N, C-alpha and C. Protein backbone atom coordinates (compact mmCIF):
# COMPACT_ATOMS: atom_id res chain seq x y z
N MET A 1 6.83 2.76 -11.06
CA MET A 1 6.73 3.93 -11.92
C MET A 1 7.20 5.17 -11.14
N ASP A 2 7.94 6.05 -11.82
CA ASP A 2 8.47 7.25 -11.18
C ASP A 2 7.56 8.45 -11.39
N ILE A 3 7.56 9.34 -10.40
CA ILE A 3 6.95 10.66 -10.55
C ILE A 3 8.08 11.68 -10.46
N ASN A 4 8.30 12.41 -11.54
CA ASN A 4 9.37 13.41 -11.59
C ASN A 4 8.77 14.82 -11.58
N LEU A 5 9.42 15.71 -10.86
CA LEU A 5 9.02 17.11 -10.81
C LEU A 5 10.10 17.89 -11.56
N GLU A 6 9.78 18.32 -12.78
CA GLU A 6 10.80 18.94 -13.60
C GLU A 6 10.22 20.09 -14.42
N ASP A 7 10.96 21.19 -14.50
CA ASP A 7 10.58 22.34 -15.33
C ASP A 7 9.14 22.79 -15.09
N GLU A 8 8.77 22.89 -13.81
CA GLU A 8 7.44 23.34 -13.40
C GLU A 8 6.33 22.42 -13.90
N GLN A 9 6.66 21.15 -14.12
CA GLN A 9 5.66 20.18 -14.54
C GLN A 9 5.84 18.88 -13.78
N ILE A 10 4.77 18.07 -13.76
CA ILE A 10 4.79 16.77 -13.10
C ILE A 10 4.73 15.70 -14.17
N LYS A 11 5.68 14.77 -14.12
CA LYS A 11 5.74 13.70 -15.10
C LYS A 11 5.53 12.37 -14.39
N VAL A 12 4.50 11.63 -14.80
CA VAL A 12 4.18 10.32 -14.23
C VAL A 12 4.56 9.26 -15.25
N GLY A 13 5.65 8.55 -14.98
CA GLY A 13 6.17 7.63 -15.99
C GLY A 13 6.60 8.42 -17.21
N ASP A 14 5.99 8.13 -18.36
CA ASP A 14 6.29 8.87 -19.59
C ASP A 14 5.24 9.93 -19.89
N THR A 15 4.27 10.10 -18.99
CA THR A 15 3.16 11.03 -19.24
C THR A 15 3.37 12.34 -18.51
N LEU A 16 3.34 13.44 -19.26
CA LEU A 16 3.46 14.77 -18.69
C LEU A 16 2.07 15.29 -18.35
N LEU A 17 1.82 15.60 -17.09
CA LEU A 17 0.49 16.08 -16.70
C LEU A 17 0.29 17.51 -17.22
N PRO A 18 -0.89 17.81 -17.76
CA PRO A 18 -1.15 19.12 -18.36
C PRO A 18 -1.48 20.18 -17.31
N GLY A 19 -0.46 20.74 -16.71
CA GLY A 19 -0.66 21.77 -15.71
C GLY A 19 0.68 22.31 -15.24
N VAL A 20 0.65 23.39 -14.49
CA VAL A 20 1.87 24.01 -13.97
C VAL A 20 2.06 23.59 -12.51
N PHE A 21 3.18 22.91 -12.24
CA PHE A 21 3.49 22.48 -10.87
C PHE A 21 3.87 23.69 -10.04
N GLU A 22 3.20 23.84 -8.88
CA GLU A 22 3.43 25.00 -8.03
C GLU A 22 4.23 24.68 -6.77
N SER A 23 3.85 23.61 -6.06
CA SER A 23 4.52 23.35 -4.78
C SER A 23 4.29 21.92 -4.33
N MET A 24 5.15 21.48 -3.40
CA MET A 24 5.00 20.17 -2.76
C MET A 24 5.01 20.36 -1.26
N GLU A 25 4.08 19.71 -0.58
CA GLU A 25 4.02 19.74 0.88
C GLU A 25 4.17 18.31 1.40
N ILE A 26 5.00 18.14 2.42
CA ILE A 26 5.15 16.83 3.06
C ILE A 26 4.84 17.00 4.54
N THR A 27 3.85 16.27 5.02
CA THR A 27 3.41 16.39 6.41
C THR A 27 3.53 15.04 7.10
N GLY A 28 4.20 15.03 8.26
CA GLY A 28 4.31 13.82 9.07
C GLY A 28 4.32 14.19 10.53
N ASP A 29 3.25 13.86 11.27
CA ASP A 29 3.19 14.18 12.69
C ASP A 29 4.22 13.37 13.46
N VAL A 30 4.86 14.02 14.41
CA VAL A 30 5.91 13.35 15.19
C VAL A 30 5.31 12.27 16.08
N LYS A 31 5.95 11.10 16.08
CA LYS A 31 5.56 9.99 16.95
C LYS A 31 6.54 9.95 18.10
N THR A 32 6.04 10.09 19.33
CA THR A 32 6.93 10.10 20.49
C THR A 32 6.63 8.93 21.41
N ASP A 33 7.59 8.63 22.27
CA ASP A 33 7.42 7.56 23.24
C ASP A 33 8.29 7.86 24.45
N GLU A 34 7.99 7.20 25.56
CA GLU A 34 8.79 7.37 26.76
C GLU A 34 9.89 6.32 26.80
N GLU A 35 11.11 6.76 27.07
CA GLU A 35 12.24 5.85 27.20
C GLU A 35 12.70 5.89 28.65
N THR A 36 12.75 4.74 29.30
CA THR A 36 13.09 4.68 30.72
C THR A 36 14.59 4.64 30.90
N GLY A 37 15.12 5.58 31.67
CA GLY A 37 16.54 5.60 31.99
C GLY A 37 16.78 5.09 33.40
N THR A 38 17.99 5.28 33.90
CA THR A 38 18.32 4.78 35.24
C THR A 38 17.67 5.61 36.33
N THR A 39 17.42 6.87 36.04
CA THR A 39 16.86 7.74 37.08
C THR A 39 15.47 8.25 36.76
N LYS A 40 15.18 8.49 35.50
CA LYS A 40 13.87 9.04 35.16
C LYS A 40 13.53 8.73 33.71
N LYS A 41 12.30 8.99 33.36
CA LYS A 41 11.85 8.77 31.99
C LYS A 41 12.08 10.03 31.17
N LYS A 42 12.35 9.84 29.90
CA LYS A 42 12.47 10.98 29.00
C LYS A 42 11.65 10.71 27.75
N ILE A 43 11.19 11.77 27.13
CA ILE A 43 10.40 11.65 25.91
C ILE A 43 11.35 11.68 24.71
N VAL A 44 11.23 10.68 23.84
CA VAL A 44 12.09 10.63 22.66
C VAL A 44 11.23 10.59 21.41
N ASN A 45 11.73 11.22 20.35
CA ASN A 45 11.08 11.18 19.05
C ASN A 45 11.75 10.08 18.25
N TYR A 46 11.03 8.98 17.96
CA TYR A 46 11.70 7.89 17.26
C TYR A 46 11.15 7.64 15.87
N SER A 47 10.09 8.32 15.46
CA SER A 47 9.60 8.14 14.10
C SER A 47 8.53 9.18 13.81
N TYR A 48 7.91 9.04 12.63
CA TYR A 48 6.80 9.91 12.25
C TYR A 48 5.59 9.05 11.92
N ASN A 49 4.41 9.58 12.20
CA ASN A 49 3.20 8.91 11.76
C ASN A 49 3.16 8.92 10.23
N PRO A 50 2.28 8.11 9.62
CA PRO A 50 2.26 8.04 8.15
C PRO A 50 2.25 9.42 7.49
N MET A 51 3.21 9.63 6.59
CA MET A 51 3.37 10.94 5.96
C MET A 51 2.43 11.13 4.78
N THR A 52 2.01 12.37 4.59
CA THR A 52 1.16 12.75 3.47
C THR A 52 1.93 13.71 2.58
N ILE A 53 1.89 13.47 1.28
CA ILE A 53 2.55 14.35 0.31
C ILE A 53 1.49 14.96 -0.59
N ARG A 54 1.52 16.28 -0.73
CA ARG A 54 0.57 16.97 -1.61
C ARG A 54 1.34 17.70 -2.71
N LEU A 55 1.00 17.38 -3.95
CA LEU A 55 1.56 18.07 -5.10
C LEU A 55 0.49 19.01 -5.64
N ASN A 56 0.78 20.31 -5.60
CA ASN A 56 -0.20 21.32 -6.00
C ASN A 56 0.14 21.86 -7.39
N MET A 57 -0.87 21.96 -8.24
CA MET A 57 -0.66 22.46 -9.59
C MET A 57 -1.86 23.28 -10.05
N ILE A 58 -1.64 24.08 -11.09
CA ILE A 58 -2.68 24.90 -11.69
C ILE A 58 -2.87 24.47 -13.14
N ILE A 59 -4.13 24.27 -13.53
CA ILE A 59 -4.44 23.94 -14.92
C ILE A 59 -4.90 25.21 -15.62
N ILE A 60 -4.23 25.53 -16.72
CA ILE A 60 -4.53 26.74 -17.49
C ILE A 60 -5.04 26.34 -18.87
N PRO A 61 -6.19 26.83 -19.29
CA PRO A 61 -6.70 26.46 -20.62
C PRO A 61 -5.86 27.08 -21.73
N ASP A 62 -5.91 26.48 -22.91
CA ASP A 62 -5.25 27.07 -24.07
C ASP A 62 -6.21 27.02 -25.25
N GLU A 63 -5.73 27.33 -26.44
CA GLU A 63 -6.61 27.39 -27.60
C GLU A 63 -7.16 26.03 -28.00
N GLN A 64 -6.41 24.97 -27.69
CA GLN A 64 -6.84 23.63 -28.09
C GLN A 64 -7.72 22.93 -27.04
N ARG A 65 -7.42 23.16 -25.76
CA ARG A 65 -8.12 22.42 -24.71
C ARG A 65 -8.53 23.34 -23.56
N SER A 66 -9.70 23.05 -23.01
CA SER A 66 -10.16 23.78 -21.83
C SER A 66 -9.49 23.20 -20.59
N ALA A 67 -9.60 23.92 -19.48
CA ALA A 67 -9.06 23.42 -18.22
C ALA A 67 -9.75 22.12 -17.81
N GLU A 68 -11.05 22.02 -18.11
CA GLU A 68 -11.80 20.81 -17.77
C GLU A 68 -11.30 19.60 -18.58
N ASP A 69 -10.96 19.83 -19.85
CA ASP A 69 -10.42 18.75 -20.68
C ASP A 69 -9.10 18.24 -20.10
N LYS A 70 -8.26 19.18 -19.69
CA LYS A 70 -6.97 18.80 -19.12
C LYS A 70 -7.13 18.07 -17.79
N LEU A 71 -8.10 18.51 -16.99
CA LEU A 71 -8.38 17.82 -15.72
C LEU A 71 -8.80 16.38 -15.98
N GLY A 72 -9.60 16.17 -17.02
CA GLY A 72 -10.00 14.82 -17.39
C GLY A 72 -8.82 13.94 -17.74
N GLU A 73 -7.81 14.51 -18.38
CA GLU A 73 -6.60 13.75 -18.73
C GLU A 73 -5.85 13.32 -17.47
N ILE A 74 -5.75 14.23 -16.50
CA ILE A 74 -5.08 13.89 -15.24
C ILE A 74 -5.85 12.80 -14.51
N HIS A 75 -7.16 12.94 -14.50
CA HIS A 75 -8.03 11.95 -13.86
C HIS A 75 -7.80 10.57 -14.46
N GLN A 76 -7.63 10.52 -15.78
CA GLN A 76 -7.46 9.24 -16.47
C GLN A 76 -6.12 8.59 -16.16
N VAL A 77 -5.08 9.40 -15.96
CA VAL A 77 -3.73 8.87 -15.69
C VAL A 77 -3.73 7.96 -14.47
N PHE A 78 -4.52 8.33 -13.45
CA PHE A 78 -4.47 7.61 -12.18
C PHE A 78 -5.60 6.59 -12.02
N ARG A 79 -6.35 6.33 -13.09
CA ARG A 79 -7.38 5.30 -13.02
C ARG A 79 -6.74 3.92 -13.03
N SER A 80 -7.31 2.99 -12.25
CA SER A 80 -6.83 1.61 -12.24
C SER A 80 -7.39 0.86 -13.44
N SER A 81 -6.58 0.00 -14.03
CA SER A 81 -7.06 -0.82 -15.14
C SER A 81 -7.84 -2.01 -14.58
N PRO A 82 -8.82 -2.55 -15.34
CA PRO A 82 -9.62 -3.68 -14.85
C PRO A 82 -8.79 -4.91 -14.50
N SER A 83 -7.64 -5.08 -15.17
CA SER A 83 -6.81 -6.26 -14.94
C SER A 83 -5.84 -6.09 -13.77
N GLN A 84 -5.78 -4.90 -13.20
CA GLN A 84 -4.82 -4.63 -12.12
C GLN A 84 -5.26 -5.33 -10.85
N THR A 85 -4.32 -6.04 -10.20
CA THR A 85 -4.65 -6.82 -9.01
C THR A 85 -4.14 -6.21 -7.71
N LYS A 86 -3.35 -5.16 -7.80
CA LYS A 86 -2.86 -4.51 -6.59
C LYS A 86 -2.71 -3.01 -6.85
N PRO A 87 -2.67 -2.20 -5.81
CA PRO A 87 -2.59 -0.74 -6.01
C PRO A 87 -1.31 -0.33 -6.71
N GLU A 88 -1.39 0.71 -7.51
CA GLU A 88 -0.20 1.27 -8.15
C GLU A 88 0.56 2.11 -7.13
N THR A 89 1.85 1.86 -7.01
CA THR A 89 2.68 2.69 -6.15
C THR A 89 3.73 3.38 -7.01
N TYR A 90 4.22 4.51 -6.51
CA TYR A 90 5.12 5.34 -7.29
C TYR A 90 6.35 5.72 -6.47
N LYS A 91 7.46 5.89 -7.17
CA LYS A 91 8.66 6.44 -6.54
C LYS A 91 8.70 7.93 -6.84
N LEU A 92 8.69 8.75 -5.80
CA LEU A 92 8.71 10.20 -5.97
C LEU A 92 10.16 10.67 -6.07
N VAL A 93 10.56 11.10 -7.26
CA VAL A 93 11.94 11.51 -7.51
C VAL A 93 12.08 12.99 -7.14
N SER A 94 12.60 13.23 -5.94
CA SER A 94 12.71 14.60 -5.43
C SER A 94 13.69 14.60 -4.27
N SER A 95 14.62 15.56 -4.26
CA SER A 95 15.57 15.66 -3.15
C SER A 95 14.85 16.00 -1.85
N HIS A 96 13.77 16.78 -1.96
CA HIS A 96 12.95 17.11 -0.79
C HIS A 96 12.36 15.84 -0.19
N ALA A 97 11.76 15.00 -1.04
CA ALA A 97 11.17 13.75 -0.56
C ALA A 97 12.24 12.81 0.00
N GLN A 98 13.40 12.78 -0.65
CA GLN A 98 14.48 11.91 -0.19
C GLN A 98 14.95 12.33 1.19
N ALA A 99 15.02 13.64 1.43
CA ALA A 99 15.46 14.15 2.73
C ALA A 99 14.50 13.75 3.84
N ARG A 100 13.22 13.54 3.50
CA ARG A 100 12.23 13.13 4.48
C ARG A 100 12.09 11.62 4.59
N GLY A 101 12.91 10.88 3.86
CA GLY A 101 12.86 9.43 3.94
C GLY A 101 11.69 8.80 3.23
N VAL A 102 11.14 9.50 2.23
CA VAL A 102 9.99 8.97 1.49
C VAL A 102 10.47 7.90 0.51
N GLY A 103 9.87 6.72 0.58
CA GLY A 103 10.17 5.65 -0.36
C GLY A 103 9.14 5.64 -1.46
N ARG A 104 8.20 4.70 -1.39
CA ARG A 104 7.14 4.63 -2.40
C ARG A 104 5.85 5.21 -1.83
N VAL A 105 5.04 5.77 -2.73
CA VAL A 105 3.80 6.42 -2.33
C VAL A 105 2.63 5.88 -3.13
N MET A 106 1.43 6.09 -2.61
CA MET A 106 0.21 5.65 -3.29
C MET A 106 -0.78 6.82 -3.29
N LEU A 107 -1.43 7.04 -4.44
CA LEU A 107 -2.40 8.13 -4.54
C LEU A 107 -3.61 7.83 -3.67
N MET A 108 -3.98 8.79 -2.82
CA MET A 108 -5.14 8.64 -1.96
C MET A 108 -6.30 9.55 -2.37
N ARG A 109 -5.97 10.75 -2.87
CA ARG A 109 -7.02 11.70 -3.26
C ARG A 109 -6.54 12.54 -4.44
N LEU A 110 -7.49 12.87 -5.30
CA LEU A 110 -7.26 13.84 -6.37
C LEU A 110 -8.29 14.95 -6.17
N ARG A 111 -7.82 16.12 -5.77
CA ARG A 111 -8.72 17.23 -5.47
C ARG A 111 -8.63 18.30 -6.56
N SER A 112 -9.76 18.89 -6.88
CA SER A 112 -9.78 19.99 -7.85
C SER A 112 -10.74 21.06 -7.36
N SER A 113 -10.41 22.31 -7.65
CA SER A 113 -11.28 23.42 -7.24
C SER A 113 -11.09 24.58 -8.21
N ASP A 114 -12.13 25.39 -8.33
CA ASP A 114 -12.02 26.60 -9.15
C ASP A 114 -12.71 27.75 -8.43
N LYS A 115 -12.49 28.94 -8.95
CA LYS A 115 -13.10 30.13 -8.38
C LYS A 115 -14.06 30.74 -9.40
N ASN A 116 -15.03 31.48 -8.89
CA ASN A 116 -15.97 32.14 -9.79
C ASN A 116 -15.23 33.08 -10.74
N ASN A 117 -15.69 33.09 -11.99
CA ASN A 117 -15.14 33.98 -13.01
C ASN A 117 -13.66 33.71 -13.30
N SER A 118 -13.24 32.47 -13.10
CA SER A 118 -11.86 32.10 -13.40
C SER A 118 -11.85 30.88 -14.30
N ASP A 119 -10.96 30.89 -15.29
CA ASP A 119 -10.83 29.74 -16.19
C ASP A 119 -9.83 28.72 -15.66
N PHE A 120 -9.12 29.06 -14.58
CA PHE A 120 -8.10 28.18 -14.04
C PHE A 120 -8.73 27.15 -13.09
N ILE A 121 -8.10 25.99 -12.98
CA ILE A 121 -8.52 24.97 -12.01
C ILE A 121 -7.30 24.59 -11.18
N SER A 122 -7.46 24.64 -9.86
CA SER A 122 -6.39 24.21 -8.95
C SER A 122 -6.55 22.71 -8.68
N VAL A 123 -5.44 21.99 -8.74
CA VAL A 123 -5.47 20.54 -8.54
C VAL A 123 -4.44 20.16 -7.48
N THR A 124 -4.84 19.27 -6.58
CA THR A 124 -3.92 18.71 -5.58
C THR A 124 -3.92 17.20 -5.69
N LEU A 125 -2.75 16.63 -5.90
CA LEU A 125 -2.57 15.18 -5.87
C LEU A 125 -2.07 14.82 -4.48
N GLU A 126 -2.86 14.07 -3.74
CA GLU A 126 -2.49 13.73 -2.36
C GLU A 126 -2.08 12.27 -2.28
N PHE A 127 -0.84 12.05 -1.86
CA PHE A 127 -0.28 10.71 -1.74
C PHE A 127 -0.01 10.38 -0.28
N GLN A 128 0.03 9.09 0.01
CA GLN A 128 0.45 8.65 1.33
C GLN A 128 1.61 7.68 1.18
N VAL A 129 2.57 7.80 2.09
CA VAL A 129 3.75 6.95 2.03
C VAL A 129 3.38 5.52 2.41
N VAL A 130 3.75 4.56 1.57
CA VAL A 130 3.51 3.15 1.87
C VAL A 130 4.82 2.42 2.15
N GLU A 131 5.95 3.09 1.93
CA GLU A 131 7.24 2.47 2.19
C GLU A 131 8.26 3.56 2.43
N VAL A 132 8.97 3.48 3.56
CA VAL A 132 10.03 4.44 3.84
C VAL A 132 11.34 3.89 3.31
N THR A 133 12.32 4.76 3.11
CA THR A 133 13.60 4.32 2.57
C THR A 133 14.46 3.71 3.66
N THR A 134 15.49 2.99 3.22
CA THR A 134 16.43 2.38 4.17
C THR A 134 17.10 3.44 5.03
N ILE A 135 17.37 4.61 4.44
CA ILE A 135 17.99 5.70 5.19
C ILE A 135 17.10 6.09 6.37
N SER A 136 15.80 6.18 6.12
CA SER A 136 14.87 6.54 7.17
C SER A 136 14.84 5.49 8.28
N VAL A 137 14.89 4.22 7.89
CA VAL A 137 14.91 3.14 8.87
C VAL A 137 16.14 3.25 9.76
N GLN A 138 17.28 3.54 9.17
CA GLN A 138 18.50 3.67 9.95
C GLN A 138 18.42 4.84 10.92
N LYS A 139 17.78 5.93 10.49
CA LYS A 139 17.63 7.09 11.37
C LYS A 139 16.75 6.75 12.56
N VAL A 140 15.68 5.99 12.30
CA VAL A 140 14.79 5.60 13.38
C VAL A 140 15.54 4.74 14.38
N GLN A 141 16.32 3.79 13.88
CA GLN A 141 17.07 2.90 14.77
C GLN A 141 18.09 3.70 15.59
N ALA A 142 18.75 4.66 14.96
CA ALA A 142 19.73 5.47 15.67
C ALA A 142 19.07 6.32 16.74
N ALA A 143 17.86 6.80 16.44
CA ALA A 143 17.15 7.66 17.40
C ALA A 143 16.74 6.88 18.65
N THR A 144 16.37 5.63 18.49
CA THR A 144 15.94 4.84 19.64
C THR A 144 17.13 4.25 20.38
N GLY A 145 18.21 3.96 19.65
CA GLY A 145 19.37 3.33 20.28
C GLY A 145 19.20 1.83 20.45
N HIS A 146 18.05 1.31 20.06
CA HIS A 146 17.81 -0.13 20.15
C HIS A 146 16.63 -0.49 19.26
N GLY A 147 16.25 -1.75 19.27
CA GLY A 147 15.18 -2.19 18.39
C GLY A 147 15.74 -3.08 17.30
N ASN A 148 14.87 -3.86 16.67
CA ASN A 148 15.31 -4.80 15.65
C ASN A 148 14.89 -4.33 14.27
N ILE A 149 15.58 -4.83 13.25
CA ILE A 149 15.21 -4.60 11.86
C ILE A 149 14.78 -5.94 11.27
N TYR A 150 13.59 -5.97 10.68
CA TYR A 150 13.08 -7.20 10.06
C TYR A 150 12.90 -6.95 8.57
N THR A 151 13.41 -7.88 7.74
CA THR A 151 13.26 -7.78 6.29
C THR A 151 12.11 -8.67 5.83
N VAL A 152 11.15 -8.08 5.14
CA VAL A 152 9.94 -8.78 4.72
C VAL A 152 10.27 -9.85 3.68
N LYS A 153 9.68 -11.04 3.88
CA LYS A 153 9.85 -12.15 2.95
C LYS A 153 8.52 -12.46 2.28
N LYS A 154 8.56 -13.24 1.22
CA LYS A 154 7.35 -13.63 0.50
C LYS A 154 6.40 -14.37 1.44
N GLY A 155 5.13 -13.98 1.42
CA GLY A 155 4.13 -14.62 2.26
C GLY A 155 3.95 -13.99 3.62
N ASP A 156 4.80 -13.03 3.98
CA ASP A 156 4.69 -12.38 5.29
C ASP A 156 3.44 -11.51 5.37
N THR A 157 2.89 -11.40 6.56
CA THR A 157 1.85 -10.42 6.88
C THR A 157 2.30 -9.68 8.13
N LEU A 158 1.77 -8.49 8.34
CA LEU A 158 2.15 -7.74 9.53
C LEU A 158 1.74 -8.46 10.80
N SER A 159 0.59 -9.13 10.76
CA SER A 159 0.13 -9.83 11.96
C SER A 159 1.07 -10.97 12.32
N ALA A 160 1.57 -11.70 11.31
CA ALA A 160 2.50 -12.80 11.56
C ALA A 160 3.84 -12.27 12.08
N ILE A 161 4.30 -11.16 11.50
CA ILE A 161 5.56 -10.56 11.95
C ILE A 161 5.42 -10.07 13.39
N ALA A 162 4.29 -9.41 13.69
CA ALA A 162 4.06 -8.90 15.04
C ALA A 162 4.05 -10.03 16.06
N LEU A 163 3.41 -11.14 15.71
CA LEU A 163 3.35 -12.29 16.62
C LEU A 163 4.74 -12.86 16.87
N ALA A 164 5.53 -12.99 15.80
CA ALA A 164 6.88 -13.55 15.94
C ALA A 164 7.81 -12.63 16.73
N GLU A 165 7.60 -11.32 16.59
CA GLU A 165 8.48 -10.35 17.25
C GLU A 165 7.93 -9.91 18.61
N LYS A 166 6.82 -10.50 19.04
CA LYS A 166 6.22 -10.21 20.35
C LYS A 166 5.84 -8.73 20.48
N THR A 167 5.17 -8.24 19.47
CA THR A 167 4.70 -6.85 19.51
C THR A 167 3.33 -6.80 18.85
N THR A 168 2.90 -5.63 18.41
CA THR A 168 1.57 -5.49 17.82
C THR A 168 1.67 -4.93 16.41
N VAL A 169 0.62 -5.17 15.64
CA VAL A 169 0.55 -4.62 14.28
C VAL A 169 0.61 -3.10 14.33
N GLU A 170 -0.11 -2.51 15.29
CA GLU A 170 -0.17 -1.04 15.39
C GLU A 170 1.20 -0.45 15.66
N ALA A 171 1.99 -1.10 16.55
CA ALA A 171 3.31 -0.58 16.89
C ALA A 171 4.25 -0.60 15.69
N ILE A 172 4.21 -1.69 14.92
CA ILE A 172 5.07 -1.78 13.73
C ILE A 172 4.63 -0.76 12.68
N ALA A 173 3.31 -0.64 12.48
CA ALA A 173 2.80 0.31 11.48
C ALA A 173 3.19 1.74 11.84
N ALA A 174 3.09 2.10 13.12
CA ALA A 174 3.41 3.46 13.54
C ALA A 174 4.90 3.76 13.38
N ALA A 175 5.75 2.78 13.68
CA ALA A 175 7.20 2.99 13.61
C ALA A 175 7.72 3.05 12.19
N ASN A 176 6.92 2.56 11.23
CA ASN A 176 7.39 2.48 9.85
C ASN A 176 6.54 3.28 8.86
N ASN A 177 5.68 4.16 9.39
CA ASN A 177 4.85 5.01 8.52
C ASN A 177 4.00 4.19 7.56
N ILE A 178 3.46 3.08 8.02
CA ILE A 178 2.64 2.22 7.16
C ILE A 178 1.19 2.65 7.27
N ALA A 179 0.64 3.17 6.17
CA ALA A 179 -0.74 3.64 6.17
C ALA A 179 -1.72 2.50 5.98
N ASN A 180 -1.34 1.52 5.17
CA ASN A 180 -2.22 0.38 4.87
C ASN A 180 -1.56 -0.88 5.43
N ILE A 181 -2.10 -1.43 6.51
CA ILE A 181 -1.46 -2.58 7.16
C ILE A 181 -1.55 -3.85 6.32
N ASP A 182 -2.33 -3.83 5.25
CA ASP A 182 -2.42 -4.98 4.36
C ASP A 182 -1.45 -4.89 3.19
N LEU A 183 -0.60 -3.84 3.19
CA LEU A 183 0.30 -3.64 2.05
C LEU A 183 1.74 -3.50 2.52
N ILE A 184 2.52 -4.58 2.38
CA ILE A 184 3.96 -4.54 2.61
C ILE A 184 4.63 -5.20 1.42
N HIS A 185 5.94 -4.96 1.27
CA HIS A 185 6.64 -5.38 0.07
C HIS A 185 7.80 -6.32 0.42
N ILE A 186 8.04 -7.29 -0.44
CA ILE A 186 9.19 -8.18 -0.28
C ILE A 186 10.47 -7.35 -0.28
N GLY A 187 11.34 -7.58 0.70
CA GLY A 187 12.59 -6.83 0.81
C GLY A 187 12.48 -5.57 1.63
N GLN A 188 11.25 -5.16 1.98
CA GLN A 188 11.06 -3.96 2.79
C GLN A 188 11.63 -4.20 4.19
N GLN A 189 12.34 -3.21 4.72
CA GLN A 189 12.92 -3.32 6.06
C GLN A 189 12.01 -2.63 7.06
N LEU A 190 11.63 -3.36 8.09
CA LEU A 190 10.71 -2.84 9.11
C LEU A 190 11.44 -2.68 10.43
N VAL A 191 11.24 -1.53 11.06
CA VAL A 191 11.74 -1.33 12.41
C VAL A 191 10.78 -1.99 13.39
N ILE A 192 11.31 -2.81 14.28
CA ILE A 192 10.52 -3.39 15.37
C ILE A 192 10.91 -2.63 16.63
N PRO A 193 10.17 -1.59 17.01
CA PRO A 193 10.59 -0.72 18.11
C PRO A 193 10.60 -1.46 19.44
N ALA A 194 11.73 -1.36 20.14
CA ALA A 194 11.87 -2.05 21.42
C ALA A 194 10.87 -1.53 22.44
N ALA A 195 10.49 -0.27 22.31
CA ALA A 195 9.56 0.33 23.28
C ALA A 195 8.21 -0.36 23.27
N SER A 196 7.88 -1.03 22.13
CA SER A 196 6.56 -1.64 22.02
C SER A 196 6.55 -3.12 22.37
N VAL A 197 7.74 -3.72 22.56
CA VAL A 197 7.81 -5.15 22.82
C VAL A 197 7.27 -5.46 24.20
N GLN A 198 6.43 -6.49 24.30
CA GLN A 198 5.84 -6.89 25.56
C GLN A 198 6.22 -8.33 25.86
N GLU A 199 6.37 -8.66 27.15
CA GLU A 199 6.70 -10.03 27.51
C GLU A 199 5.56 -10.97 27.19
N ASN A 200 4.33 -10.55 27.45
CA ASN A 200 3.16 -11.37 27.15
C ASN A 200 2.17 -10.55 26.33
N PRO A 201 2.44 -10.34 25.05
CA PRO A 201 1.58 -9.49 24.24
C PRO A 201 0.24 -10.15 23.97
N PRO A 202 -0.79 -9.33 23.74
CA PRO A 202 -2.08 -9.90 23.35
C PRO A 202 -1.97 -10.48 21.96
N PRO A 203 -2.89 -11.38 21.58
CA PRO A 203 -2.83 -11.97 20.23
C PRO A 203 -2.83 -10.89 19.18
N ALA A 204 -1.98 -11.06 18.16
CA ALA A 204 -1.90 -10.07 17.08
C ALA A 204 -3.18 -10.09 16.27
N GLU A 205 -3.47 -8.95 15.65
CA GLU A 205 -4.64 -8.88 14.80
C GLU A 205 -4.51 -9.85 13.64
N THR A 206 -5.62 -10.39 13.23
CA THR A 206 -5.61 -11.32 12.11
C THR A 206 -5.93 -10.58 10.83
N THR A 207 -5.08 -10.74 9.85
CA THR A 207 -5.35 -10.17 8.53
C THR A 207 -4.93 -11.18 7.49
N SER A 208 -5.76 -11.40 6.52
CA SER A 208 -5.50 -12.45 5.54
C SER A 208 -4.65 -11.96 4.39
N ALA A 209 -4.49 -10.65 4.25
CA ALA A 209 -3.75 -10.11 3.11
C ALA A 209 -2.26 -10.34 3.30
N ALA A 210 -1.58 -10.85 2.29
CA ALA A 210 -0.15 -11.10 2.36
C ALA A 210 0.58 -9.99 1.64
N VAL A 211 1.89 -10.19 1.41
CA VAL A 211 2.71 -9.18 0.77
C VAL A 211 2.14 -8.78 -0.58
N ASP A 212 2.06 -7.46 -0.80
CA ASP A 212 1.62 -6.89 -2.06
C ASP A 212 0.18 -7.24 -2.42
N ASP A 213 -0.65 -7.57 -1.42
CA ASP A 213 -2.03 -7.95 -1.71
C ASP A 213 -2.95 -6.99 -0.99
N ALA A 214 -3.54 -6.04 -1.71
CA ALA A 214 -4.40 -5.04 -1.10
C ALA A 214 -5.41 -4.56 -2.11
N PRO A 215 -6.58 -4.05 -1.64
CA PRO A 215 -7.58 -3.54 -2.58
C PRO A 215 -7.07 -2.32 -3.33
N ILE A 216 -7.58 -2.12 -4.52
CA ILE A 216 -7.15 -1.01 -5.36
C ILE A 216 -7.99 0.22 -5.07
N PRO A 217 -7.35 1.35 -4.68
CA PRO A 217 -8.13 2.56 -4.47
C PRO A 217 -8.67 3.08 -5.78
N LYS A 218 -9.89 3.58 -5.77
CA LYS A 218 -10.52 4.07 -6.99
C LYS A 218 -10.44 5.59 -7.05
N VAL A 219 -10.17 6.11 -8.23
CA VAL A 219 -10.23 7.55 -8.47
C VAL A 219 -11.53 7.83 -9.17
N GLU A 220 -12.37 8.60 -8.55
CA GLU A 220 -13.69 8.87 -9.13
C GLU A 220 -13.83 10.32 -9.51
C-alpha cells in the first residue's frame, strides 16, 4: 500500500486522512567503522542506523466533525485486522524519502497532542524503515569499496544468512537499516559488510521467524 503526500494532505491507499499535512522529518544516525589501510586506519561512513520518518499534521474541526472524531478516523486506518498475519508495510511516495533511500516503512507510533483552549489536535505518524531501496544498497557498497550483496530467498532468516556469510545478525541489521530482525522480504538485497566478517565468528543468534513472519504492532 502506498502513502502519498499531496495537496497538503496524506493519502493512505485510497483513504485521505482528515488533517492538514505540515512536514516530514527523516532521521538516520550515521553508522561509522574503521577501515584499515596500508599505513593507518581511517573512519568511514558506510551506512545509517535504522531511519525514522515522522509525518506531522494538524487536525482542524469543522461543522460536521470535531477534531476528536477525525483523530478517531486516523486511528482506525492503521488498526490491524483480526485476520492479518503479518505487519502492514507501506511504500512512502516522496522524492525526499527516495533521496534518503527509503524503501518500505512500518508504523511504530501514532502520537497526538493538543493545547489548552485550542480546538486543534497535532498528530505525528512515526514510521521506521524496514527495507531500503536498491539505490541505497548500491551507495553503501560504493562507500565501503567492498562487501557482498545477498538477495533474500523464501525461507531465509537473518541468523541463517549471518551464519552462511560468516558474520553476525547485528552487523547485517546495522548495515541495512533493519529495525526488526524478524522481518525480511523475498527479493530484498542485503549488504554483507566486509568490515564485520570474522574468520571464526561466534554462533549466530537463533531466531525462528522466517521471511515476512513477524508480530503485528498494535495501535492503541
